């Protein structure tokens, strides 16, 4: 399994960058996790858009779905050029029926419902889901191959459910959108110390921080996480291969 961060920002992308998203690959299968602003431009540094086999959406805030329409048009253009791609499955929850319906577009993409406490086989991956604490319904996502797994918290405040959900994961990609002084002030997100606490209590192998704020020094968020979690921890690096075999 190989995971490449495509963007690391929350809310909107900084210049020449993208919001928090990931390309996850195994045995030639390519799956995109979230598809916010700037993601398609970043994705094409690693694969052609027609090589994408699946997309999983954690929730329907704009910084996680803004490029869905562009992705659909890219496949529509290929169809008009006489080079149609197979229908692309886009996995998302159906609690918001209007947004879920938008995942399906003609013969290019098809929305497939995901639910908490459900297991989906997506290509070579066994994928499970856990609800988070966020202003809109949102699902954390775990990708497993054999005995190895990677967990993506998506957007969330502290949640005890995430501890058991992430337990023993090899990689934990945790949001860390808050500085310590903003805990309890800005809803729906974690601070660095809370991401570190989650990694520590879940006994994960490595912590990678994402969905970062645009202000301040994000190294301070990493330091707060490292004060709690003594295992390897870092800020997600766009283009870096996080791999285990």
C-alpha atoms as a PDB file:
ATOM      1  CA  UNK A   1       0.000   0.000   0.000  1.00  0.00           C
ATOM      2  CA  UNK A   2       1.304   3.421  -0.976  1.00  0.00           C
ATOM      3  CA  UNK A   3      -0.252   6.730   0.124  1.00  0.00           C
ATOM      4  CA  UNK A   4       0.604  10.105  -1.422  1.00  0.00           C
ATOM      5  CA  UNK A   5      -0.722  13.351   0.118  1.00  0.00           C
ATOM      6  CA  UNK A   6      -2.040  15.604  -2.642  1.00  0.00           C
ATOM      7  CA  UNK A   7      -2.846  18.573  -0.410  1.00  0.00           C
ATOM      8  CA  UNK A   8      -2.592  19.394   3.279  1.00  0.00           C
ATOM      9  CA  UNK A   9      -4.747  22.498   3.835  1.00  0.00           C
ATOM     10  CA  UNK A  10      -8.110  22.902   5.485  1.00  0.00           C
ATOM     11  CA  UNK A  11     -10.798  25.248   4.177  1.00  0.00           C
ATOM     12  CA  UNK A  12      -9.098  26.354   0.964  1.00  0.00           C
ATOM     13  CA  UNK A  13      -5.757  25.799  -0.743  1.00  0.00           C
ATOM     14  CA  UNK A  14      -2.765  28.043  -0.417  1.00  0.00           C
ATOM     15  CA  UNK A  15      -1.214  29.269  -3.690  1.00  0.00           C
ATOM     16  CA  UNK A  16      -0.224  26.396  -6.002  1.00  0.00           C
ATOM     17  CA  UNK A  17      -1.526  23.789  -3.571  1.00  0.00           C
ATOM     18  CA  UNK A  18      -4.632  21.788  -2.630  1.00  0.00           C
ATOM     19  CA  UNK A  19      -6.894  21.026   0.279  1.00  0.00           C
ATOM     20  CA  UNK A  20      -6.361  17.863   2.315  1.00  0.00           C
ATOM     21  CA  UNK A  21      -6.571  14.785   0.093  1.00  0.00           C
ATOM     22  CA  UNK A  22      -4.725  11.563  -0.657  1.00  0.00           C
ATOM     23  CA  UNK A  23      -3.990   9.128  -3.459  1.00  0.00           C
ATOM     24  CA  UNK A  24      -3.853   5.580  -2.146  1.00  0.00           C
ATOM     25  CA  UNK A  25      -2.464   2.835  -4.390  1.00  0.00           C
ATOM     26  CA  UNK A  26      -2.083  -0.924  -4.208  1.00  0.00           C
ATOM     27  CA  UNK A  27      -1.563  -3.542  -6.906  1.00  0.00           C
ATOM     28  CA  UNK A  28      -2.175  -1.007  -9.663  1.00  0.00           C
ATOM     29  CA  UNK A  29      -5.480   0.237  -8.180  1.00  0.00           C
ATOM     30  CA  UNK A  30      -5.726   3.999  -7.599  1.00  0.00           C
ATOM     31  CA  UNK A  31      -8.194   5.492  -5.108  1.00  0.00           C
ATOM     32  CA  UNK A  32      -8.631   9.177  -4.307  1.00  0.00           C
ATOM     33  CA  UNK A  33      -9.623  10.196  -0.773  1.00  0.00           C
ATOM     34  CA  UNK A  34     -11.542  13.480  -0.876  1.00  0.00           C
ATOM     35  CA  UNK A  35     -11.610  15.803  -3.875  1.00  0.00           C
ATOM     36  CA  UNK A  36     -11.512  19.420  -2.775  1.00  0.00           C
ATOM     37  CA  UNK A  37     -10.097  22.539  -4.376  1.00  0.00           C
ATOM     38  CA  UNK A  38      -6.822  22.072  -6.260  1.00  0.00           C
ATOM     39  CA  UNK A  39      -6.863  18.295  -5.880  1.00  0.00           C
ATOM     40  CA  UNK A  40      -7.209  17.405  -9.565  1.00  0.00           C
ATOM     41  CA  UNK A  41      -4.255  19.603 -10.506  1.00  0.00           C
ATOM     42  CA  UNK A  42      -2.132  17.919  -7.839  1.00  0.00           C
ATOM     43  CA  UNK A  43      -3.342  14.411  -8.712  1.00  0.00           C
ATOM     44  CA  UNK A  44      -2.108  14.737 -12.286  1.00  0.00           C
ATOM     45  CA  UNK A  45       1.474  14.991 -11.042  1.00  0.00           C
ATOM     46  CA  UNK A  46       1.214  11.283 -10.195  1.00  0.00           C
ATOM     47  CA  UNK A  47      -1.361   9.648 -12.466  1.00  0.00           C
ATOM     48  CA  UNK A  48      -3.521  10.582 -15.441  1.00  0.00           C
ATOM     49  CA  UNK A  49      -7.124  11.273 -14.464  1.00  0.00           C
ATOM     50  CA  UNK A  50      -8.352   8.308 -16.496  1.00  0.00           C
ATOM     51  CA  UNK A  51      -6.183   6.008 -14.337  1.00  0.00           C
ATOM     52  CA  UNK A  52      -8.309   6.756 -11.292  1.00  0.00           C
ATOM     53  CA  UNK A  53     -10.328   3.697 -10.223  1.00  0.00           C
ATOM     54  CA  UNK A  54     -12.382   5.016  -7.276  1.00  0.00           C
ATOM     55  CA  UNK A  55     -13.021   8.052  -5.089  1.00  0.00           C
ATOM     56  CA  UNK A  56     -14.059   8.086  -1.421  1.00  0.00           C
ATOM     57  CA  UNK A  57     -15.599  11.254   0.035  1.00  0.00           C
ATOM     58  CA  UNK A  58     -15.601  11.786   3.810  1.00  0.00           C
ATOM     59  CA  UNK A  59     -18.240  14.565   3.797  1.00  0.00           C
ATOM     60  CA  UNK A  60     -19.695  17.311   1.664  1.00  0.00           C
ATOM     61  CA  UNK A  61     -17.963  20.490   2.793  1.00  0.00           C
ATOM     62  CA  UNK A  62     -16.506  22.346  -0.204  1.00  0.00           C
ATOM     63  CA  UNK A  63     -12.874  21.694   0.710  1.00  0.00           C
ATOM     64  CA  UNK A  64     -13.594  17.978   0.274  1.00  0.00           C
ATOM     65  CA  UNK A  65     -15.773  17.988  -2.864  1.00  0.00           C
ATOM     66  CA  UNK A  66     -15.020  21.185  -4.845  1.00  0.00           C
ATOM     67  CA  UNK A  67     -13.254  19.329  -7.689  1.00  0.00           C
ATOM     68  CA  UNK A  68     -15.855  16.571  -8.105  1.00  0.00           C
ATOM     69  CA  UNK A  69     -17.566  18.455 -10.934  1.00  0.00           C
ATOM     70  CA  UNK A  70     -14.253  18.983 -12.710  1.00  0.00           C
ATOM     71  CA  UNK A  71     -13.453  15.296 -12.350  1.00  0.00           C
ATOM     72  CA  UNK A  72     -16.796  14.405 -13.916  1.00  0.00           C
ATOM     73  CA  UNK A  73     -16.222  16.809 -16.824  1.00  0.00           C
ATOM     74  CA  UNK A  74     -12.760  15.347 -17.442  1.00  0.00           C
ATOM     75  CA  UNK A  75     -14.366  11.973 -18.083  1.00  0.00           C
ATOM     76  CA  UNK A  76     -17.154  13.519 -20.144  1.00  0.00           C
ATOM     77  CA  UNK A  77     -14.566  15.173 -22.395  1.00  0.00           C
ATOM     78  CA  UNK A  78     -12.795  11.818 -22.862  1.00  0.00           C
ATOM     79  CA  UNK A  79     -16.164  10.349 -23.844  1.00  0.00           C
ATOM     80  CA  UNK A  80     -16.713  13.053 -26.475  1.00  0.00           C
ATOM     81  CA  UNK A  81     -13.217  12.396 -27.812  1.00  0.00           C
ATOM     82  CA  UNK A  82     -14.149   8.761 -28.368  1.00  0.00           C
ATOM     83  CA  UNK A  83     -11.996   7.539 -25.468  1.00  0.00           C
ATOM     84  CA  UNK A  84     -14.557   6.684 -22.776  1.00  0.00           C
ATOM     85  CA  UNK A  85     -13.388   5.431 -19.408  1.00  0.00           C
ATOM     86  CA  UNK A  86     -15.283   2.920 -17.281  1.00  0.00           C
ATOM     87  CA  UNK A  87     -17.887   4.439 -14.966  1.00  0.00           C
ATOM     88  CA  UNK A  88     -16.009   5.806 -11.945  1.00  0.00           C
ATOM     89  CA  UNK A  89     -17.467   4.861  -8.536  1.00  0.00           C
ATOM     90  CA  UNK A  90     -17.578   7.722  -6.047  1.00  0.00           C
ATOM     91  CA  UNK A  91     -18.285   6.536  -2.511  1.00  0.00           C
ATOM     92  CA  UNK A  92     -20.063   8.907  -0.137  1.00  0.00           C
ATOM     93  CA  UNK A  93     -22.705   8.860   2.588  1.00  0.00           C
ATOM     94  CA  UNK A  94     -26.365   9.454   1.694  1.00  0.00           C
ATOM     95  CA  UNK A  95     -27.373  11.412   4.823  1.00  0.00           C
ATOM     96  CA  UNK A  96     -27.351  14.467   2.541  1.00  0.00           C
ATOM     97  CA  UNK A  97     -29.422  13.161  -0.359  1.00  0.00           C
ATOM     98  CA  UNK A  98     -28.940  16.239  -2.536  1.00  0.00           C
ATOM     99  CA  UNK A  99     -25.154  16.120  -2.320  1.00  0.00           C
ATOM    100  CA  UNK A 100     -25.063  12.335  -2.688  1.00  0.00           C
ATOM    101  CA  UNK A 101     -27.102  12.597  -5.898  1.00  0.00           C
ATOM    102  CA  UNK A 102     -24.431  14.888  -7.380  1.00  0.00           C
ATOM    103  CA  UNK A 103     -21.879  12.074  -7.200  1.00  0.00           C
ATOM    104  CA  UNK A 104     -23.630  10.442 -10.166  1.00  0.00           C
ATOM    105  CA  UNK A 105     -23.156  12.116 -13.544  1.00  0.00           C
ATOM    106  CA  UNK A 106     -24.486  10.553 -16.754  1.00  0.00           C
ATOM    107  CA  UNK A 107     -22.345   7.539 -17.693  1.00  0.00           C
ATOM    108  CA  UNK A 108     -19.159   9.012 -16.229  1.00  0.00           C
ATOM    109  CA  UNK A 109     -19.495   8.606 -12.443  1.00  0.00           C
ATOM    110  CA  UNK A 110     -21.805   6.735 -10.102  1.00  0.00           C
ATOM    111  CA  UNK A 111     -22.445   7.488  -6.439  1.00  0.00           C
ATOM    112  CA  UNK A 112     -22.235   4.487  -4.097  1.00  0.00           C
ATOM    113  CA  UNK A 113     -23.498   4.829  -0.541  1.00  0.00           C
ATOM    114  CA  UNK A 114     -21.233   4.204   2.428  1.00  0.00           C
ATOM    115  CA  UNK A 115     -22.351   3.889   6.033  1.00  0.00           C
ATOM    116  CA  UNK A 116     -20.786   3.840   9.473  1.00  0.00           C
ATOM    117  CA  UNK A 117     -19.969   0.385  10.826  1.00  0.00           C
ATOM    118  CA  UNK A 118     -20.029  -0.948   7.276  1.00  0.00           C
ATOM    119  CA  UNK A 119     -17.313  -2.771   5.360  1.00  0.00           C
ATOM    120  CA  UNK A 120     -16.751  -2.122   1.657  1.00  0.00           C
ATOM    121  CA  UNK A 121     -14.363  -3.887  -0.678  1.00  0.00           C
ATOM    122  CA  UNK A 122     -12.926  -1.182  -2.931  1.00  0.00           C
ATOM    123  CA  UNK A 123     -10.477  -2.776  -5.314  1.00  0.00           C
ATOM    124  CA  UNK A 124      -7.834  -4.518  -3.177  1.00  0.00           C
ATOM    125  CA  UNK A 125      -8.793  -2.531  -0.067  1.00  0.00           C
ATOM    126  CA  UNK A 126     -11.075  -3.493   2.788  1.00  0.00           C
ATOM    127  CA  UNK A 127     -12.584  -0.159   3.815  1.00  0.00           C
ATOM    128  CA  UNK A 128     -14.474   0.652   7.021  1.00  0.00           C
ATOM    129  CA  UNK A 129     -16.003   3.861   8.365  1.00  0.00           C
ATOM    130  CA  UNK A 130     -16.586   5.648  11.674  1.00  0.00           C
ATOM    131  CA  UNK A 131     -18.658   8.784  12.330  1.00  0.00           C
ATOM    132  CA  UNK A 132     -16.748  11.842  13.498  1.00  0.00           C
ATOM    133  CA  UNK A 133     -17.742  14.954  15.447  1.00  0.00           C
ATOM    134  CA  UNK A 134     -18.205  17.733  12.894  1.00  0.00           C
ATOM    135  CA  UNK A 135     -20.881  20.318  12.064  1.00  0.00           C
ATOM    136  CA  UNK A 136     -22.033  18.091   9.195  1.00  0.00           C
ATOM    137  CA  UNK A 137     -22.125  14.290   9.060  1.00  0.00           C
ATOM    138  CA  UNK A 138     -18.623  13.039   8.323  1.00  0.00           C
ATOM    139  CA  UNK A 139     -16.933   9.652   8.238  1.00  0.00           C
ATOM    140  CA  UNK A 140     -13.400   8.673   9.190  1.00  0.00           C
ATOM    141  CA  UNK A 141     -12.042   6.014   6.854  1.00  0.00           C
ATOM    142  CA  UNK A 142      -9.805   2.977   7.369  1.00  0.00           C
ATOM    143  CA  UNK A 143      -8.092   1.231   4.458  1.00  0.00           C
ATOM    144  CA  UNK A 144      -6.759  -2.243   5.171  1.00  0.00           C
ATOM    145  CA  UNK A 145      -4.768  -4.759   3.162  1.00  0.00           C
ATOM    146  CA  UNK A 146      -4.090  -7.975   5.016  1.00  0.00           C
ATOM    147  CA  UNK A 147      -2.932  -7.110   8.529  1.00  0.00           C
ATOM    148  CA  UNK A 148      -1.882  -3.556   7.683  1.00  0.00           C
ATOM    149  CA  UNK A 149      -4.040  -0.462   7.788  1.00  0.00           C
ATOM    150  CA  UNK A 150      -4.130   3.301   7.368  1.00  0.00           C
ATOM    151  CA  UNK A 151      -6.716   5.505   9.071  1.00  0.00           C
ATOM    152  CA  UNK A 152      -7.854   8.930   7.894  1.00  0.00           C
ATOM    153  CA  UNK A 153      -9.731  10.913  10.529  1.00  0.00           C
ATOM    154  CA  UNK A 154     -11.278  13.361   8.050  1.00  0.00           C
ATOM    155  CA  UNK A 155     -12.674  16.406   9.929  1.00  0.00           C
ATOM    156  CA  UNK A 156     -13.439  15.917  13.603  1.00  0.00           C
ATOM    157  CA  UNK A 157     -13.315  17.120  17.167  1.00  0.00           C
ATOM    158  CA  UNK A 158     -12.104  14.700  19.823  1.00  0.00           C
ATOM    159  CA  UNK A 159     -14.064  11.444  19.733  1.00  0.00           C
ATOM    160  CA  UNK A 160     -13.505   8.356  21.867  1.00  0.00           C
ATOM    161  CA  UNK A 161     -14.913   6.283  18.987  1.00  0.00           C
ATOM    162  CA  UNK A 162     -11.895   7.175  16.898  1.00  0.00           C
ATOM    163  CA  UNK A 163      -9.533   5.617  19.443  1.00  0.00           C
ATOM    164  CA  UNK A 164     -10.978   2.137  18.967  1.00  0.00           C
ATOM    165  CA  UNK A 165     -11.437   2.733  15.231  1.00  0.00           C
ATOM    166  CA  UNK A 166      -7.760   3.633  14.753  1.00  0.00           C
ATOM    167  CA  UNK A 167      -6.393   1.096  17.228  1.00  0.00           C
ATOM    168  CA  UNK A 168      -3.178  -0.496  16.015  1.00  0.00           C
ATOM    169  CA  UNK A 169      -3.175   1.246  12.629  1.00  0.00           C
ATOM    170  CA  UNK A 170       0.195   1.412  10.929  1.00  0.00           C
ATOM    171  CA  UNK A 171      -0.464   4.961   9.736  1.00  0.00           C
ATOM    172  CA  UNK A 172      -2.802   7.581  11.181  1.00  0.00           C
ATOM    173  CA  UNK A 173      -3.480  10.606   8.982  1.00  0.00           C
ATOM    174  CA  UNK A 174      -5.072  12.970  11.462  1.00  0.00           C
ATOM    175  CA  UNK A 175      -6.509  16.391  10.921  1.00  0.00           C
ATOM    176  CA  UNK A 176      -4.889  19.078  13.068  1.00  0.00           C
ATOM    177  CA  UNK A 177      -6.574  22.337  12.146  1.00  0.00           C
ATOM    178  CA  UNK A 178      -6.330  24.102  15.497  1.00  0.00           C
ATOM    179  CA  UNK A 179      -3.702  25.723  17.670  1.00  0.00           C
ATOM    180  CA  UNK A 180      -4.056  24.914  21.346  1.00  0.00           C
ATOM    181  CA  UNK A 181      -5.722  28.222  22.207  1.00  0.00           C
ATOM    182  CA  UNK A 182      -8.550  27.437  19.788  1.00  0.00           C
ATOM    183  CA  UNK A 183      -9.656  24.165  21.430  1.00  0.00           C
ATOM    184  CA  UNK A 184     -13.342  24.545  22.250  1.00  0.00           C
ATOM    185  CA  UNK A 185     -13.581  27.793  20.286  1.00  0.00           C
ATOM    186  CA  UNK A 186     -13.595  26.520  16.715  1.00  0.00           C
ATOM    187  CA  UNK A 187     -15.939  23.510  16.403  1.00  0.00           C
ATOM    188  CA  UNK A 188     -15.322  20.349  14.440  1.00  0.00           C
ATOM    189  CA  UNK A 189     -11.534  20.123  14.501  1.00  0.00           C
ATOM    190  CA  UNK A 190      -8.546  18.832  16.472  1.00  0.00           C
ATOM    191  CA  UNK A 191      -5.487  20.570  17.857  1.00  0.00           C
ATOM    192  CA  UNK A 192      -2.015  19.048  17.672  1.00  0.00           C
ATOM    193  CA  UNK A 193      -2.120  17.751  21.240  1.00  0.00           C
ATOM    194  CA  UNK A 194      -5.436  16.006  20.542  1.00  0.00           C
ATOM    195  CA  UNK A 195      -4.070  14.368  17.390  1.00  0.00           C
ATOM    196  CA  UNK A 196      -1.118  13.197  19.472  1.00  0.00           C
ATOM    197  CA  UNK A 197      -3.471  11.884  22.166  1.00  0.00           C
ATOM    198  CA  UNK A 198      -5.434   9.952  19.549  1.00  0.00           C
ATOM    199  CA  UNK A 199      -2.250   8.424  18.137  1.00  0.00           C
ATOM    200  CA  UNK A 200      -0.999   7.562  21.623  1.00  0.00           C
ATOM    201  CA  UNK A 201      -4.225   5.992  22.895  1.00  0.00           C
ATOM    202  CA  UNK A 202      -4.784   4.079  19.651  1.00  0.00           C
ATOM    203  CA  UNK A 203      -1.162   2.849  19.693  1.00  0.00           C
ATOM    204  CA  UNK A 204      -0.599   3.602  16.017  1.00  0.00           C
ATOM    205  CA  UNK A 205       2.689   3.140  14.247  1.00  0.00           C
ATOM    206  CA  UNK A 206       3.074   6.638  12.804  1.00  0.00           C
ATOM    207  CA  UNK A 207       1.173   9.940  12.979  1.00  0.00           C
ATOM    208  CA  UNK A 208       0.894  12.236   9.966  1.00  0.00           C
ATOM    209  CA  UNK A 209      -0.832  15.606  10.400  1.00  0.00           C
ATOM    210  CA  UNK A 210      -3.023  17.157   7.703  1.00  0.00           C
ATOM    211  CA  UNK A 211      -5.942  19.593   7.167  1.00  0.00           C
ATOM    212  CA  UNK A 212      -3.759  22.362   8.540  1.00  0.00           C
ATOM    213  CA  UNK A 213      -4.546  26.048   9.199  1.00  0.00           C
ATOM    214  CA  UNK A 214      -3.264  28.853   6.991  1.00  0.00           C
ATOM    215  CA  UNK A 215      -2.142  31.119   9.822  1.00  0.00           C
ATOM    216  CA  UNK A 216       0.566  30.781  12.436  1.00  0.00           C
ATOM    217  CA  UNK A 217       3.480  28.350  12.450  1.00  0.00           C
ATOM    218  CA  UNK A 218       2.255  24.815  11.742  1.00  0.00           C
ATOM    219  CA  UNK A 219       5.446  23.426  13.267  1.00  0.00           C
ATOM    220  CA  UNK A 220       3.930  24.462  16.614  1.00  0.00           C
ATOM    221  CA  UNK A 221       1.046  22.068  15.942  1.00  0.00           C
ATOM    222  CA  UNK A 222       3.514  19.272  15.237  1.00  0.00           C
ATOM    223  CA  UNK A 223       5.397  20.026  18.447  1.00  0.00           C
ATOM    224  CA  UNK A 224       2.195  19.815  20.486  1.00  0.00           C
ATOM    225  CA  UNK A 225       1.450  16.420  18.925  1.00  0.00           C
ATOM    226  CA  UNK A 226       4.980  15.190  19.664  1.00  0.00           C
ATOM    227  CA  UNK A 227       4.660  16.275  23.288  1.00  0.00           C
ATOM    228  CA  UNK A 228       1.951  13.624  23.676  1.00  0.00           C
ATOM    229  CA  UNK A 229       2.798  10.950  21.092  1.00  0.00           C
ATOM    230  CA  UNK A 230       6.365   9.669  21.347  1.00  0.00           C
ATOM    231  CA  UNK A 231       6.248   7.636  18.140  1.00  0.00           C
ATOM    232  CA  UNK A 232       7.205   9.022  14.734  1.00  0.00           C
ATOM    233  CA  UNK A 233       5.121  12.063  13.801  1.00  0.00           C
ATOM    234  CA  UNK A 234       5.338  14.612  11.004  1.00  0.00           C
ATOM    235  CA  UNK A 235       3.454  17.134   8.911  1.00  0.00           C
ATOM    236  CA  UNK A 236       2.085  15.444   5.787  1.00  0.00           C
ATOM    237  CA  UNK A 237       4.352  16.195   2.834  1.00  0.00           C
ATOM    238  CA  UNK A 238       2.745  16.575  -0.573  1.00  0.00           C
ATOM    239  CA  UNK A 239       4.187  14.031  -2.995  1.00  0.00           C
ATOM    240  CA  UNK A 240       5.871  11.902  -0.334  1.00  0.00           C
ATOM    241  CA  UNK A 241       5.258   8.155  -0.530  1.00  0.00           C
ATOM    242  CA  UNK A 242       4.036   6.719   2.761  1.00  0.00           C
ATOM    243  CA  UNK A 243       4.375   3.003   2.133  1.00  0.00           C
ATOM    244  CA  UNK A 244       4.249  -0.362   3.766  1.00  0.00           C
ATOM    245  CA  UNK A 245       4.307  -3.726   2.052  1.00  0.00           C
END
